[in-house]
């Protein structure tokens, strides 16, 4: 049963979410259509440019991304606190980058309102805009609608470009965050588009390893000392790279199901069972359900939201 987005996105439970957008029927987001021979690779630039614009507006940061031929993955961090501390002028300036401000809000900014009642209504509008700046649904709407309009204009057609509303999964703990980011960065490898994870330019792993040329959106950094840098992914980048490399080798056809004797230290620190971690990263596993995390975290999440259970990939403790 389809659930309201408010039940799927709860920043009080977790700020991390995995989002998936998939094209309708045989529509291509990017890549080459093997039937017609038409190449849509230039649309990858549209996605990257739009994400950069949205980063300057919303207080939502990217942890990982992958842009595939007919779908994309995003792992995002919703920073509600950053939106809450924005003053009225900052909120209006950000929102104006995407939309025209209501007339009453424009008059409020210009100091032309003559009574307190009008000022109260204007401030109420600004508070609504402030809440939208950390709203994942608004972020995805501004991404998907923009890309759909450009694609339909280029294809000279009308109608749906995206299959349905975007899919979102709550990432409940550090184990889920690691698993989801690795899954996203390994998408081209799984599809056999590349031979190694770092060979694809369309995933966040490539952006982390290569110098920034200004064309790609910024990524939430890996940090190991939260006291010095309170915002970031709580892992060492070297450990994450080792994990992705190890998992990528395990996913190769000639080594499917093979687990090396020397398990990466990051798995031990998180108390993950290697077998279940590989199963969770298997095809159609991590994108299943509405949450990602340990069973204990899933149970606690279900209880907090008055649900008997939630569905998610089988990430188990060692």
Protein backbone atom coordinates (compact mmCIF):
# COMPACT_ATOMS: atom_id res chain seq x y z
CA UNK A 1 0.00 0.00 0.00
CA UNK A 2 1.29 3.44 -0.92
CA UNK A 3 2.00 5.50 2.19
CA UNK A 4 1.90 9.30 2.53
CA UNK A 5 5.31 10.91 2.16
CA UNK A 6 5.00 12.31 5.69
CA UNK A 7 5.12 8.72 6.99
CA UNK A 8 8.19 7.89 4.91
CA UNK A 9 10.25 11.00 5.67
CA UNK A 10 10.70 11.87 9.33
CA UNK A 11 13.76 13.97 10.05
CA UNK A 12 13.24 13.41 13.78
CA UNK A 13 14.03 9.72 13.20
CA UNK A 14 16.85 10.09 10.68
CA UNK A 15 18.23 12.83 8.39
CA UNK A 16 19.47 10.31 5.77
CA UNK A 17 17.36 9.08 2.84
CA UNK A 18 17.81 7.04 -0.32
CA UNK A 19 15.79 8.40 -3.26
CA UNK A 20 15.17 6.76 -6.63
CA UNK A 21 13.63 8.30 -9.75
CA UNK A 22 12.80 6.02 -12.69
CA UNK A 23 11.67 6.93 -16.21
CA UNK A 24 8.33 5.76 -17.58
CA UNK A 25 8.24 2.88 -20.12
CA UNK A 26 11.24 3.10 -22.51
CA UNK A 27 12.00 6.76 -21.87
CA UNK A 28 15.69 7.48 -21.41
CA UNK A 29 17.08 9.77 -18.75
CA UNK A 30 20.61 9.30 -20.10
CA UNK A 31 22.50 6.74 -22.13
CA UNK A 32 22.04 5.31 -25.60
CA UNK A 33 18.79 3.85 -26.92
CA UNK A 34 19.84 0.58 -28.57
CA UNK A 35 16.64 0.50 -30.67
CA UNK A 36 16.76 3.96 -32.24
CA UNK A 37 20.48 4.60 -31.77
CA UNK A 38 19.78 7.99 -30.20
CA UNK A 39 22.23 9.05 -27.49
CA UNK A 40 20.89 10.91 -24.45
CA UNK A 41 24.17 11.12 -22.54
CA UNK A 42 24.07 14.92 -22.61
CA UNK A 43 21.19 14.81 -20.14
CA UNK A 44 23.61 13.82 -17.40
CA UNK A 45 24.77 17.43 -17.46
CA UNK A 46 21.18 18.54 -16.87
CA UNK A 47 20.97 16.42 -13.73
CA UNK A 48 24.31 17.63 -12.36
CA UNK A 49 23.56 21.28 -13.09
CA UNK A 50 20.14 21.06 -11.50
CA UNK A 51 21.51 19.38 -8.38
CA UNK A 52 24.05 22.20 -8.02
CA UNK A 53 21.27 24.79 -8.24
CA UNK A 54 19.12 22.96 -5.71
CA UNK A 55 22.06 22.73 -3.32
CA UNK A 56 22.25 26.52 -3.27
CA UNK A 57 18.56 26.71 -2.35
CA UNK A 58 17.71 23.77 -0.10
CA UNK A 59 19.44 22.69 3.10
CA UNK A 60 19.67 19.16 1.70
CA UNK A 61 23.12 17.71 1.01
CA UNK A 62 24.28 14.85 -1.21
CA UNK A 63 26.10 11.86 0.24
CA UNK A 64 26.10 9.74 -2.92
CA UNK A 65 24.53 9.66 -6.39
CA UNK A 66 24.44 7.54 -9.53
CA UNK A 67 22.91 8.59 -12.86
CA UNK A 68 21.94 5.59 -14.98
CA UNK A 69 20.29 5.25 -18.40
CA UNK A 70 16.68 5.16 -17.19
CA UNK A 71 16.89 6.02 -13.48
CA UNK A 72 18.98 7.74 -10.84
CA UNK A 73 19.86 7.22 -7.18
CA UNK A 74 20.48 9.87 -4.54
CA UNK A 75 21.57 9.45 -0.93
CA UNK A 76 20.77 12.71 0.82
CA UNK A 77 21.19 14.33 4.23
CA UNK A 78 18.31 16.60 5.25
CA UNK A 79 19.59 19.40 7.49
CA UNK A 80 16.48 20.80 9.17
CA UNK A 81 18.54 22.78 11.69
CA UNK A 82 20.30 24.71 8.92
CA UNK A 83 16.94 25.81 7.53
CA UNK A 84 15.61 26.75 10.96
CA UNK A 85 18.40 29.28 11.61
CA UNK A 86 18.04 31.10 8.28
CA UNK A 87 16.76 34.63 8.69
CA UNK A 88 13.84 35.95 6.65
CA UNK A 89 16.05 37.67 4.06
CA UNK A 90 18.06 34.49 3.46
CA UNK A 91 14.89 32.42 3.06
CA UNK A 92 13.45 34.85 0.52
CA UNK A 93 16.73 35.10 -1.40
CA UNK A 94 17.04 31.32 -1.65
CA UNK A 95 13.44 30.71 -2.67
CA UNK A 96 13.60 33.44 -5.29
CA UNK A 97 16.28 31.44 -7.13
CA UNK A 98 13.56 28.96 -8.11
CA UNK A 99 10.19 30.67 -7.82
CA UNK A 100 8.63 34.12 -7.77
CA UNK A 101 7.83 35.30 -4.26
CA UNK A 102 4.19 35.96 -3.31
CA UNK A 103 3.19 39.59 -3.78
CA UNK A 104 2.63 40.09 -0.06
CA UNK A 105 6.10 38.74 0.74
CA UNK A 106 7.66 41.03 -1.86
CA UNK A 107 5.92 44.03 -0.31
CA UNK A 108 7.05 42.88 3.16
CA UNK A 109 10.67 42.79 2.00
CA UNK A 110 10.31 46.26 0.47
CA UNK A 111 8.85 47.63 3.70
CA UNK A 112 5.59 48.63 2.02
CA UNK A 113 3.14 46.85 4.32
CA UNK A 114 1.06 49.27 6.35
CA UNK A 115 -0.50 47.14 9.09
CA UNK A 116 0.62 44.46 11.52
CA UNK A 117 -1.95 41.96 10.22
CA UNK A 118 -0.36 42.00 6.76
CA UNK A 119 3.12 41.64 8.28
CA UNK A 120 1.95 38.66 10.33
CA UNK A 121 0.58 36.92 7.22
CA UNK A 122 3.78 37.68 5.30
CA UNK A 123 5.94 36.23 8.08
CA UNK A 124 3.71 33.16 8.08
CA UNK A 125 4.37 32.74 4.33
CA UNK A 126 8.12 33.03 4.96
CA UNK A 127 7.93 30.40 7.70
CA UNK A 128 6.26 28.07 5.20
CA UNK A 129 9.05 28.72 2.69
CA UNK A 130 11.65 28.07 5.41
CA UNK A 131 10.09 24.66 6.07
CA UNK A 132 10.14 23.87 2.36
CA UNK A 133 13.88 24.51 2.20
CA UNK A 134 14.43 21.28 4.17
CA UNK A 135 11.51 19.39 2.61
CA UNK A 136 12.67 16.34 0.63
CA UNK A 137 9.46 16.26 -1.44
CA UNK A 138 10.01 19.84 -2.61
CA UNK A 139 13.65 19.09 -3.39
CA UNK A 140 12.72 16.08 -5.53
CA UNK A 141 9.85 17.92 -7.15
CA UNK A 142 12.16 20.73 -8.24
CA UNK A 143 14.60 18.18 -9.66
CA UNK A 144 12.16 15.88 -11.44
CA UNK A 145 9.85 18.51 -12.88
CA UNK A 146 12.77 20.47 -14.33
CA UNK A 147 14.30 17.40 -16.00
CA UNK A 148 10.91 16.18 -17.28
CA UNK A 149 10.12 19.52 -18.92
CA UNK A 150 13.51 19.70 -20.65
CA UNK A 151 13.31 16.06 -21.82
CA UNK A 152 9.75 16.42 -23.14
CA UNK A 153 10.71 19.62 -24.95
CA UNK A 154 13.68 17.88 -26.54
CA UNK A 155 11.61 14.80 -27.45
CA UNK A 156 8.77 17.02 -28.74
CA UNK A 157 6.18 15.20 -26.68
CA UNK A 158 3.90 15.65 -23.68
CA UNK A 159 2.94 13.54 -20.72
CA UNK A 160 4.75 11.69 -17.96
CA UNK A 161 8.51 11.35 -18.05
CA UNK A 162 8.87 9.74 -14.62
CA UNK A 163 7.29 6.40 -13.82
CA UNK A 164 5.64 7.58 -10.59
CA UNK A 165 6.41 9.67 -7.55
CA UNK A 166 9.99 9.18 -6.43
CA UNK A 167 10.77 6.28 -4.09
CA UNK A 168 12.29 7.16 -0.73
CA UNK A 169 13.82 4.96 1.95
CA UNK A 170 14.76 6.08 5.44
CA UNK A 171 18.36 5.15 6.33
CA UNK A 172 18.14 4.39 10.02
CA UNK A 173 21.74 3.83 11.13
CA UNK A 174 25.39 3.92 10.12
CA UNK A 175 25.26 0.39 8.75
CA UNK A 176 22.38 1.33 6.46
CA UNK A 177 24.18 4.49 5.34
CA UNK A 178 27.32 2.54 4.41
CA UNK A 179 25.36 -0.16 2.61
CA UNK A 180 23.25 2.34 0.67
CA UNK A 181 26.18 4.52 -0.42
CA UNK A 182 28.15 1.46 -1.57
CA UNK A 183 25.09 0.17 -3.43
CA UNK A 184 24.67 3.50 -5.24
CA UNK A 185 28.36 3.87 -6.13
CA UNK A 186 28.44 0.30 -7.49
CA UNK A 187 25.40 0.71 -9.78
CA UNK A 188 27.36 1.04 -13.07
CA UNK A 189 29.53 -1.93 -12.10
CA UNK A 190 26.44 -4.04 -11.40
CA UNK A 191 25.05 -3.09 -14.79
CA UNK A 192 28.40 -4.12 -16.36
CA UNK A 193 28.85 -0.66 -17.84
CA UNK A 194 32.34 -0.44 -16.29
CA UNK A 195 34.87 -2.95 -15.00
CA UNK A 196 35.78 -1.10 -11.80
CA UNK A 197 33.70 1.25 -9.60
CA UNK A 198 36.02 4.22 -10.05
CA UNK A 199 35.85 3.94 -13.86
CA UNK A 200 32.37 5.49 -14.03
CA UNK A 201 32.14 9.29 -14.18
CA UNK A 202 28.43 9.18 -13.35
CA UNK A 203 28.68 8.22 -9.68
CA UNK A 204 29.71 10.12 -6.58
CA UNK A 205 32.72 7.86 -6.04
CA UNK A 206 34.36 9.34 -9.14
CA UNK A 207 33.68 12.88 -7.88
CA UNK A 208 35.34 12.06 -4.55
CA UNK A 209 38.45 10.64 -6.21
CA UNK A 210 38.92 13.30 -8.88
CA UNK A 211 39.55 17.03 -8.55
CA UNK A 212 36.43 19.18 -8.71
CA UNK A 213 36.02 20.81 -12.13
CA UNK A 214 32.98 22.78 -10.99
CA UNK A 215 30.49 20.78 -13.06
CA UNK A 216 29.33 18.37 -10.37
CA UNK A 217 27.37 18.96 -7.17
CA UNK A 218 29.18 19.12 -3.85
CA UNK A 219 29.21 16.05 -1.64
CA UNK A 220 28.92 15.77 2.13
CA UNK A 221 32.48 14.98 3.25
CA UNK A 222 33.69 12.02 5.25
CA UNK A 223 34.78 13.09 8.74
CA UNK A 224 36.38 11.14 11.57
CA UNK A 225 36.42 13.89 14.20
CA UNK A 226 32.94 15.31 14.77
CA UNK A 227 34.21 17.79 17.36
CA UNK A 228 36.22 19.60 14.71
CA UNK A 229 33.71 19.11 11.88
CA UNK A 230 30.16 18.46 13.13
CA UNK A 231 28.71 17.91 9.66
CA UNK A 232 29.72 14.94 7.58
CA UNK A 233 29.58 11.19 7.04
CA UNK A 234 31.02 9.52 10.16
CA UNK A 235 33.60 7.31 8.44
CA UNK A 236 37.11 7.59 7.08
CA UNK A 237 37.18 7.96 3.29
CA UNK A 238 39.98 5.39 3.02
CA UNK A 239 37.85 2.83 4.86
CA UNK A 240 34.88 3.54 2.60
CA UNK A 241 37.00 3.16 -0.54
CA UNK A 242 38.33 -0.15 0.76
CA UNK A 243 34.78 -1.30 1.45
CA UNK A 244 33.55 -0.35 -2.03
CA UNK A 245 36.54 -2.06 -3.66
CA UNK A 246 36.04 -5.22 -1.60
CA UNK A 247 32.31 -5.30 -2.28
CA UNK A 248 32.84 -4.63 -5.96
CA UNK A 249 35.19 -7.59 -6.31
CA UNK A 250 32.67 -9.79 -4.52
CA UNK A 251 29.96 -8.74 -6.99
CA UNK A 252 31.91 -9.77 -10.10
CA UNK A 253 30.42 -12.69 -12.03
CA UNK A 254 33.49 -14.87 -11.57
CA UNK A 255 33.53 -14.21 -7.81
CA UNK A 256 29.83 -13.99 -6.96
CA UNK A 257 29.21 -15.02 -3.35
CA UNK A 258 32.97 -15.16 -2.61
CA UNK A 259 34.04 -13.50 0.64
CA UNK A 260 37.73 -12.83 1.20
CA UNK A 261 39.21 -14.10 4.47
CA UNK A 262 40.43 -10.63 5.45
CA UNK A 263 37.21 -8.73 6.17
CA UNK A 264 37.62 -4.94 6.04
CA UNK A 265 37.95 -3.36 9.46
CA UNK A 266 35.00 -1.06 8.82
CA UNK A 267 32.62 -4.02 8.89
CA UNK A 268 33.98 -5.17 12.23
CA UNK A 269 33.57 -1.70 13.74
CA UNK A 270 29.92 -1.60 12.66
CA UNK A 271 29.24 -5.18 13.77
CA UNK A 272 28.06 -6.29 10.32
CA UNK A 273 27.87 -9.87 9.14
CA UNK A 274 29.68 -10.06 5.78
CA UNK A 275 27.27 -12.58 4.23
CA UNK A 276 24.18 -10.51 4.98
CA UNK A 277 25.94 -7.34 3.85
CA UNK A 278 26.60 -8.87 0.40
CA UNK A 279 23.03 -10.17 0.21
CA UNK A 280 21.74 -6.69 1.02
CA UNK A 281 23.87 -5.27 -1.77
CA UNK A 282 22.55 -7.85 -4.23
CA UNK A 283 20.34 -7.01 -7.17
CA UNK A 284 16.84 -5.77 -6.18
CA UNK A 285 17.65 -6.16 -2.47
CA UNK A 286 18.68 -2.72 -1.27
CA UNK A 287 15.94 -0.96 -3.26
CA UNK A 288 13.29 -3.13 -1.56
CA UNK A 289 11.10 -1.66 1.13
CA UNK A 290 10.90 1.75 2.77
CA UNK A 291 13.82 1.68 5.27
CA UNK A 292 17.46 0.58 5.39
CA UNK A 293 19.25 -0.51 8.55
CA UNK A 294 19.75 -3.20 11.20
CA UNK A 295 16.72 -5.24 12.27
CA UNK A 296 16.82 -3.58 15.70
CA UNK A 297 16.70 -0.13 14.13
CA UNK A 298 13.85 -1.22 11.83
CA UNK A 299 11.83 -2.52 14.79
CA UNK A 300 12.36 0.69 16.76
CA UNK A 301 11.34 2.77 13.73
CA UNK A 302 8.17 0.71 13.21
CA UNK A 303 7.23 1.06 16.89
CA UNK A 304 7.80 4.82 16.85
CA UNK A 305 5.47 5.14 13.85
CA UNK A 306 2.81 2.80 15.24
CA UNK A 307 3.36 0.14 12.59
CA UNK A 308 3.58 -3.59 13.17
CA UNK A 309 6.65 -3.85 10.95
CA UNK A 310 8.55 -2.15 8.16
CA UNK A 311 10.08 -3.73 5.08
CA UNK A 312 13.77 -3.36 4.30
CA UNK A 313 16.85 -5.30 3.11
CA UNK A 314 18.29 -7.94 5.47
CA UNK A 315 21.27 -6.18 7.05
CA UNK A 316 22.08 -8.30 10.11
CA UNK A 317 24.43 -7.93 13.03
CA UNK A 318 27.38 -10.27 13.28
